[in-house]
Amino acid sequence: MKNYTNIDELPACLTVPEMAAYMRISEPIAYQLIHRKDFPAVRVGDRRYIVPKDRLLEWMSRPESAV
């Protein structure tokens, strides 16, 4: 996985491992997050999830989004 030096380098949609690395949380916690009703994960197919970068940043800026 690529190490991003700033937020502008992040892809428009992140995989769960990329999101976890960006947020500096473990992948198991990231997988818990994607199942929260208020989290902006998008299910693709049967088992894959992506997270739109703009919606993730918006979600992270909300006070109620604390992990």
PDB file of N, CA and C in Angstrom:
ATOM      1  N   MET A   1       0.849  -1.183   0.000  1.00  0.00           N
ATOM      2  CA  MET A   1       0.000   0.000   0.000  1.00  0.00           C
ATOM      3  C   MET A   1       0.891   1.242   0.000  1.00  0.00           C
ATOM      4  N   LYS A   2       0.487   2.193  -0.776  1.00  0.00           N
ATOM      5  CA  LYS A   2       1.257   3.429  -0.899  1.00  0.00           C
ATOM      6  C   LYS A   2       1.133   4.274   0.376  1.00  0.00           C
ATOM      7  N   ASN A   3       2.231   4.902   0.763  1.00  0.00           N
ATOM      8  CA  ASN A   3       2.196   5.852   1.875  1.00  0.00           C
ATOM      9  C   ASN A   3       1.933   7.239   1.301  1.00  0.00           C
ATOM     10  N   TYR A   4       0.838   7.846   1.725  1.00  0.00           N
ATOM     11  CA  TYR A   4       0.469   9.155   1.233  1.00  0.00           C
ATOM     12  C   TYR A   4       1.061  10.216   2.146  1.00  0.00           C
ATOM     13  N   THR A   5       1.637  11.252   1.550  1.00  0.00           N
ATOM     14  CA  THR A   5       2.278  12.291   2.353  1.00  0.00           C
ATOM     15  C   THR A   5       1.320  13.413   2.724  1.00  0.00           C
ATOM     16  N   ASN A   6       0.222  13.558   1.974  1.00  0.00           N
ATOM     17  CA  ASN A   6      -0.786  14.550   2.355  1.00  0.00           C
ATOM     18  C   ASN A   6      -2.149  14.109   1.846  1.00  0.00           C
ATOM     19  N   ILE A   7      -3.161  14.754   2.337  1.00  0.00           N
ATOM     20  CA  ILE A   7      -4.540  14.368   2.044  1.00  0.00           C
ATOM     21  C   ILE A   7      -4.890  14.496   0.565  1.00  0.00           C
ATOM     22  N   ASP A   8      -4.256  15.408  -0.121  1.00  0.00           N
ATOM     23  CA  ASP A   8      -4.535  15.598  -1.548  1.00  0.00           C
ATOM     24  C   ASP A   8      -4.103  14.411  -2.389  1.00  0.00           C
ATOM     25  N   GLU A   9      -3.168  13.616  -1.899  1.00  0.00           N
ATOM     26  CA  GLU A   9      -2.695  12.450  -2.631  1.00  0.00           C
ATOM     27  C   GLU A   9      -3.618  11.244  -2.491  1.00  0.00           C
ATOM     28  N   LEU A  10      -4.503  11.274  -1.517  1.00  0.00           N
ATOM     29  CA  LEU A  10      -5.406  10.146  -1.325  1.00  0.00           C
ATOM     30  C   LEU A  10      -6.300   9.970  -2.541  1.00  0.00           C
ATOM     31  N   PRO A  11      -6.628   8.727  -2.883  1.00  0.00           N
ATOM     32  CA  PRO A  11      -7.555   8.518  -3.995  1.00  0.00           C
ATOM     33  C   PRO A  11      -8.958   9.003  -3.630  1.00  0.00           C
ATOM     34  N   ALA A  12      -9.799   9.204  -4.611  1.00  0.00           N
ATOM     35  CA  ALA A  12     -11.165   9.687  -4.374  1.00  0.00           C
ATOM     36  C   ALA A  12     -11.967   8.700  -3.534  1.00  0.00           C
ATOM     37  N   CYS A  13     -11.694   7.415  -3.689  1.00  0.00           N
ATOM     38  CA  CYS A  13     -12.340   6.378  -2.883  1.00  0.00           C
ATOM     39  C   CYS A  13     -11.263   5.501  -2.277  1.00  0.00           C
ATOM     40  N   LEU A  14     -11.379   5.276  -0.984  1.00  0.00           N
ATOM     41  CA  LEU A  14     -10.383   4.499  -0.264  1.00  0.00           C
ATOM     42  C   LEU A  14     -10.893   3.102   0.026  1.00  0.00           C
ATOM     43  N   THR A  15      -9.971   2.152   0.026  1.00  0.00           N
ATOM     44  CA  THR A  15     -10.303   0.820   0.513  1.00  0.00           C
ATOM     45  C   THR A  15     -10.296   0.887   2.036  1.00  0.00           C
ATOM     46  N   VAL A  16     -10.805  -0.150   2.664  1.00  0.00           N
ATOM     47  CA  VAL A  16     -10.821  -0.157   4.130  1.00  0.00           C
ATOM     48  C   VAL A  16      -9.389  -0.125   4.687  1.00  0.00           C
ATOM     49  N   PRO A  17      -8.435  -0.895   4.157  1.00  0.00           N
ATOM     50  CA  PRO A  17      -7.069  -0.788   4.668  1.00  0.00           C
ATOM     51  C   PRO A  17      -6.461   0.615   4.478  1.00  0.00           C
ATOM     52  N   GLU A  18      -6.732   1.270   3.334  1.00  0.00           N
ATOM     53  CA  GLU A  18      -6.240   2.638   3.119  1.00  0.00           C
ATOM     54  C   GLU A  18      -6.859   3.601   4.119  1.00  0.00           C
ATOM     55  N   MET A  19      -8.158   3.443   4.366  1.00  0.00           N
ATOM     56  CA  MET A  19      -8.840   4.300   5.331  1.00  0.00           C
ATOM     57  C   MET A  19      -8.254   4.110   6.721  1.00  0.00           C
ATOM     58  N   ALA A  20      -8.013   2.866   7.103  1.00  0.00           N
ATOM     59  CA  ALA A  20      -7.439   2.573   8.414  1.00  0.00           C
ATOM     60  C   ALA A  20      -6.056   3.208   8.555  1.00  0.00           C
ATOM     61  N   ALA A  21      -5.243   3.083   7.515  1.00  0.00           N
ATOM     62  CA  ALA A  21      -3.898   3.671   7.557  1.00  0.00           C
ATOM     63  C   ALA A  21      -3.985   5.193   7.664  1.00  0.00           C
ATOM     64  N   TYR A  22      -4.874   5.805   6.895  1.00  0.00           N
ATOM     65  CA  TYR A  22      -5.027   7.256   6.941  1.00  0.00           C
ATOM     66  C   TYR A  22      -5.488   7.718   8.325  1.00  0.00           C
ATOM     67  N   MET A  23      -6.458   6.993   8.897  1.00  0.00           N
ATOM     68  CA  MET A  23      -6.995   7.370  10.205  1.00  0.00           C
ATOM     69  C   MET A  23      -6.102   6.924  11.361  1.00  0.00           C
ATOM     70  N   ARG A  24      -5.090   6.121  11.036  1.00  0.00           N
ATOM     71  CA  ARG A  24      -4.170   5.573  12.038  1.00  0.00           C
ATOM     72  C   ARG A  24      -4.912   4.756  13.094  1.00  0.00           C
ATOM     73  N   ILE A  25      -5.780   3.885  12.560  1.00  0.00           N
ATOM     74  CA  ILE A  25      -6.494   2.936  13.405  1.00  0.00           C
ATOM     75  C   ILE A  25      -6.224   1.542  12.855  1.00  0.00           C
ATOM     76  N   SER A  26      -6.529   0.533  13.644  1.00  0.00           N
ATOM     77  CA  SER A  26      -6.309  -0.836  13.182  1.00  0.00           C
ATOM     78  C   SER A  26      -7.366  -1.215  12.145  1.00  0.00           C
ATOM     79  N   GLU A  27      -7.038  -2.185  11.321  1.00  0.00           N
ATOM     80  CA  GLU A  27      -8.015  -2.638  10.334  1.00  0.00           C
ATOM     81  C   GLU A  27      -9.256  -3.241  10.986  1.00  0.00           C
ATOM     82  N   PRO A  28      -9.138  -4.008  12.087  1.00  0.00           N
ATOM     83  CA  PRO A  28     -10.372  -4.494  12.726  1.00  0.00           C
ATOM     84  C   PRO A  28     -11.298  -3.356  13.179  1.00  0.00           C
ATOM     85  N   ILE A  29     -10.744  -2.270  13.689  1.00  0.00           N
ATOM     86  CA  ILE A  29     -11.568  -1.120  14.082  1.00  0.00           C
ATOM     87  C   ILE A  29     -12.178  -0.475  12.843  1.00  0.00           C
ATOM     88  N   ALA A  30     -11.421  -0.394  11.759  1.00  0.00           N
ATOM     89  CA  ALA A  30     -11.939   0.171  10.509  1.00  0.00           C
ATOM     90  C   ALA A  30     -13.117  -0.652  10.001  1.00  0.00           C
ATOM     91  N   TYR A  31     -13.013  -1.973  10.097  1.00  0.00           N
ATOM     92  CA  TYR A  31     -14.117  -2.823   9.648  1.00  0.00           C
ATOM     93  C   TYR A  31     -15.332  -2.668  10.562  1.00  0.00           C
ATOM     94  N   GLN A  32     -15.130  -2.396  11.830  1.00  0.00           N
ATOM     95  CA  GLN A  32     -16.255  -2.095  12.718  1.00  0.00           C
ATOM     96  C   GLN A  32     -16.921  -0.784  12.291  1.00  0.00           C
ATOM     97  N   LEU A  33     -16.103   0.206  11.963  1.00  0.00           N
ATOM     98  CA  LEU A  33     -16.640   1.506  11.550  1.00  0.00           C
ATOM     99  C   LEU A  33     -17.523   1.418  10.308  1.00  0.00           C
ATOM    100  N   ILE A  34     -17.114   0.638   9.331  1.00  0.00           N
ATOM    101  CA  ILE A  34     -17.873   0.609   8.081  1.00  0.00           C
ATOM    102  C   ILE A  34     -19.283   0.063   8.276  1.00  0.00           C
ATOM    103  N   HIS A  35     -19.521  -0.595   9.386  1.00  0.00           N
ATOM    104  CA  HIS A  35     -20.856  -1.138   9.649  1.00  0.00           C
ATOM    105  C   HIS A  35     -21.722  -0.203  10.491  1.00  0.00           C
ATOM    106  N   ARG A  36     -21.173   0.945  10.903  1.00  0.00           N
ATOM    107  CA  ARG A  36     -21.993   1.924  11.621  1.00  0.00           C
ATOM    108  C   ARG A  36     -22.941   2.604  10.645  1.00  0.00           C
ATOM    109  N   LYS A  37     -24.156   2.875  11.106  1.00  0.00           N
ATOM    110  CA  LYS A  37     -25.161   3.507  10.235  1.00  0.00           C
ATOM    111  C   LYS A  37     -24.741   4.908   9.788  1.00  0.00           C
ATOM    112  N   ASP A  38     -23.991   5.612  10.637  1.00  0.00           N
ATOM    113  CA  ASP A  38     -23.608   6.986  10.297  1.00  0.00           C
ATOM    114  C   ASP A  38     -22.300   7.076   9.506  1.00  0.00           C
ATOM    115  N   PHE A  39     -21.671   5.941   9.215  1.00  0.00           N
ATOM    116  CA  PHE A  39     -20.375   5.958   8.527  1.00  0.00           C
ATOM    117  C   PHE A  39     -20.578   5.894   7.011  1.00  0.00           C
ATOM    118  N   PRO A  40     -19.816   6.685   6.245  1.00  0.00           N
ATOM    119  CA  PRO A  40     -20.033   6.800   4.796  1.00  0.00           C
ATOM    120  C   PRO A  40     -19.392   5.711   3.933  1.00  0.00           C
ATOM    121  N   ALA A  41     -19.520   4.469   4.347  1.00  0.00           N
ATOM    122  CA  ALA A  41     -18.982   3.376   3.535  1.00  0.00           C
ATOM    123  C   ALA A  41     -19.999   2.985   2.469  1.00  0.00           C
ATOM    124  N   VAL A  42     -19.492   2.572   1.317  1.00  0.00           N
ATOM    125  CA  VAL A  42     -20.335   2.140   0.203  1.00  0.00           C
ATOM    126  C   VAL A  42     -20.004   0.682  -0.081  1.00  0.00           C
ATOM    127  N   ARG A  43     -21.019  -0.144  -0.055  1.00  0.00           N
ATOM    128  CA  ARG A  43     -20.812  -1.560  -0.335  1.00  0.00           C
ATOM    129  C   ARG A  43     -20.745  -1.772  -1.843  1.00  0.00           C
ATOM    130  N   VAL A  44     -19.728  -2.485  -2.271  1.00  0.00           N
ATOM    131  CA  VAL A  44     -19.535  -2.791  -3.687  1.00  0.00           C
ATOM    132  C   VAL A  44     -19.522  -4.315  -3.810  1.00  0.00           C
ATOM    133  N   GLY A  45     -20.550  -4.851  -4.407  1.00  0.00           N
ATOM    134  CA  GLY A  45     -20.655  -6.306  -4.507  1.00  0.00           C
ATOM    135  C   GLY A  45     -21.064  -6.924  -3.180  1.00  0.00           C
ATOM    136  N   ASP A  46     -20.692  -8.181  -2.998  1.00  0.00           N
ATOM    137  CA  ASP A  46     -21.105  -8.904  -1.797  1.00  0.00           C
ATOM    138  C   ASP A  46     -20.263  -8.596  -0.572  1.00  0.00           C
ATOM    139  N   ARG A  47     -18.967  -8.354  -0.753  1.00  0.00           N
ATOM    140  CA  ARG A  47     -18.094  -8.250   0.414  1.00  0.00           C
ATOM    141  C   ARG A  47     -17.144  -7.068   0.426  1.00  0.00           C
ATOM    142  N   ARG A  48     -17.122  -6.273  -0.596  1.00  0.00           N
ATOM    143  CA  ARG A  48     -16.158  -5.185  -0.675  1.00  0.00           C
ATOM    144  C   ARG A  48     -16.800  -3.851  -0.306  1.00  0.00           C
ATOM    145  N   TYR A  49     -16.024  -3.028   0.390  1.00  0.00           N
ATOM    146  CA  TYR A  49     -16.476  -1.695   0.766  1.00  0.00           C
ATOM    147  C   TYR A  49     -15.446  -0.672   0.304  1.00  0.00           C
ATOM    148  N   ILE A  50     -15.938   0.497  -0.091  1.00  0.00           N
ATOM    149  CA  ILE A  50     -15.066   1.633  -0.361  1.00  0.00           C
ATOM    150  C   ILE A  50     -15.599   2.816   0.439  1.00  0.00           C
ATOM    151  N   VAL A  51     -14.730   3.780   0.665  1.00  0.00           N
ATOM    152  CA  VAL A  51     -15.100   4.960   1.437  1.00  0.00           C
ATOM    153  C   VAL A  51     -14.715   6.192   0.624  1.00  0.00           C
ATOM    154  N   PRO A  52     -15.702   6.964   0.180  1.00  0.00           N
ATOM    155  CA  PRO A  52     -15.378   8.191  -0.558  1.00  0.00           C
ATOM    156  C   PRO A  52     -14.610   9.172   0.341  1.00  0.00           C
ATOM    157  N   LYS A  53     -13.506   9.669  -0.171  1.00  0.00           N
ATOM    158  CA  LYS A  53     -12.637  10.543   0.621  1.00  0.00           C
ATOM    159  C   LYS A  53     -13.370  11.772   1.141  1.00  0.00           C
ATOM    160  N   ASP A  54     -14.127  12.436   0.290  1.00  0.00           N
ATOM    161  CA  ASP A  54     -14.799  13.662   0.734  1.00  0.00           C
ATOM    162  C   ASP A  54     -15.816  13.385   1.843  1.00  0.00           C
ATOM    163  N   ARG A  55     -16.536  12.263   1.727  1.00  0.00           N
ATOM    164  CA  ARG A  55     -17.515  11.928   2.763  1.00  0.00           C
ATOM    165  C   ARG A  55     -16.832  11.492   4.056  1.00  0.00           C
ATOM    166  N   LEU A  56     -15.670  10.828   3.944  1.00  0.00           N
ATOM    167  CA  LEU A  56     -14.914  10.447   5.139  1.00  0.00           C
ATOM    168  C   LEU A  56     -14.442  11.690   5.884  1.00  0.00           C
ATOM    169  N   LEU A  57     -13.893  12.655   5.157  1.00  0.00           N
ATOM    170  CA  LEU A  57     -13.399  13.878   5.794  1.00  0.00           C
ATOM    171  C   LEU A  57     -14.543  14.644   6.454  1.00  0.00           C
ATOM    172  N   GLU A  58     -15.693  14.665   5.802  1.00  0.00           N
ATOM    173  CA  GLU A  58     -16.861  15.320   6.393  1.00  0.00           C
ATOM    174  C   GLU A  58     -17.281  14.598   7.671  1.00  0.00           C
ATOM    175  N   TRP A  59     -17.322  13.270   7.632  1.00  0.00           N
ATOM    176  CA  TRP A  59     -17.702  12.472   8.790  1.00  0.00           C
ATOM    177  C   TRP A  59     -16.723  12.695   9.954  1.00  0.00           C
ATOM    178  N   MET A  60     -15.427  12.741   9.626  1.00  0.00           N
ATOM    179  CA  MET A  60     -14.415  12.923  10.671  1.00  0.00           C
ATOM    180  C   MET A  60     -14.508  14.288  11.332  1.00  0.00           C
ATOM    181  N   SER A  61     -15.057  15.287  10.638  1.00  0.00           N
ATOM    182  CA  SER A  61     -15.133  16.626  11.199  1.00  0.00           C
ATOM    183  C   SER A  61     -16.299  16.795  12.169  1.00  0.00           C
ATOM    184  N   ARG A  62     -17.207  15.820  12.201  1.00  0.00           N
ATOM    185  CA  ARG A  62     -18.351  15.895  13.109  1.00  0.00           C
ATOM    186  C   ARG A  62     -17.954  15.443  14.507  1.00  0.00           C
ATOM    187  N   PRO A  63     -18.378  16.166  15.548  1.00  0.00           N
ATOM    188  CA  PRO A  63     -18.027  15.769  16.920  1.00  0.00           C
ATOM    189  C   PRO A  63     -18.560  14.391  17.318  1.00  0.00           C
ATOM    190  N   GLU A  64     -19.701  13.990  16.799  1.00  0.00           N
ATOM    191  CA  GLU A  64     -20.300  12.727  17.187  1.00  0.00           C
ATOM    192  C   GLU A  64     -19.647  11.526  16.505  1.00  0.00           C
ATOM    193  N   SER A  65     -18.642  11.740  15.690  1.00  0.00           N
ATOM    194  CA  SER A  65     -18.002  10.650  14.957  1.00  0.00           C
ATOM    195  C   SER A  65     -16.880   9.971  15.748  1.00  0.00           C
ATOM    196  N   ALA A  66     -16.704  10.324  16.981  1.00  0.00           N
ATOM    197  CA  ALA A  66     -15.615   9.743  17.779  1.00  0.00           C
ATOM    198  C   ALA A  66     -15.697   8.233  17.780  1.00  0.00           C
ATOM    199  N   VAL A  67     -14.559   7.615  17.577  1.00  0.00           N
ATOM    200  CA  VAL A  67     -14.479   6.151  17.531  1.00  0.00           C
ATOM    201  C   VAL A  67     -14.631   5.588  18.917  1.00  0.00           C
TER     202      VAL A  67
END
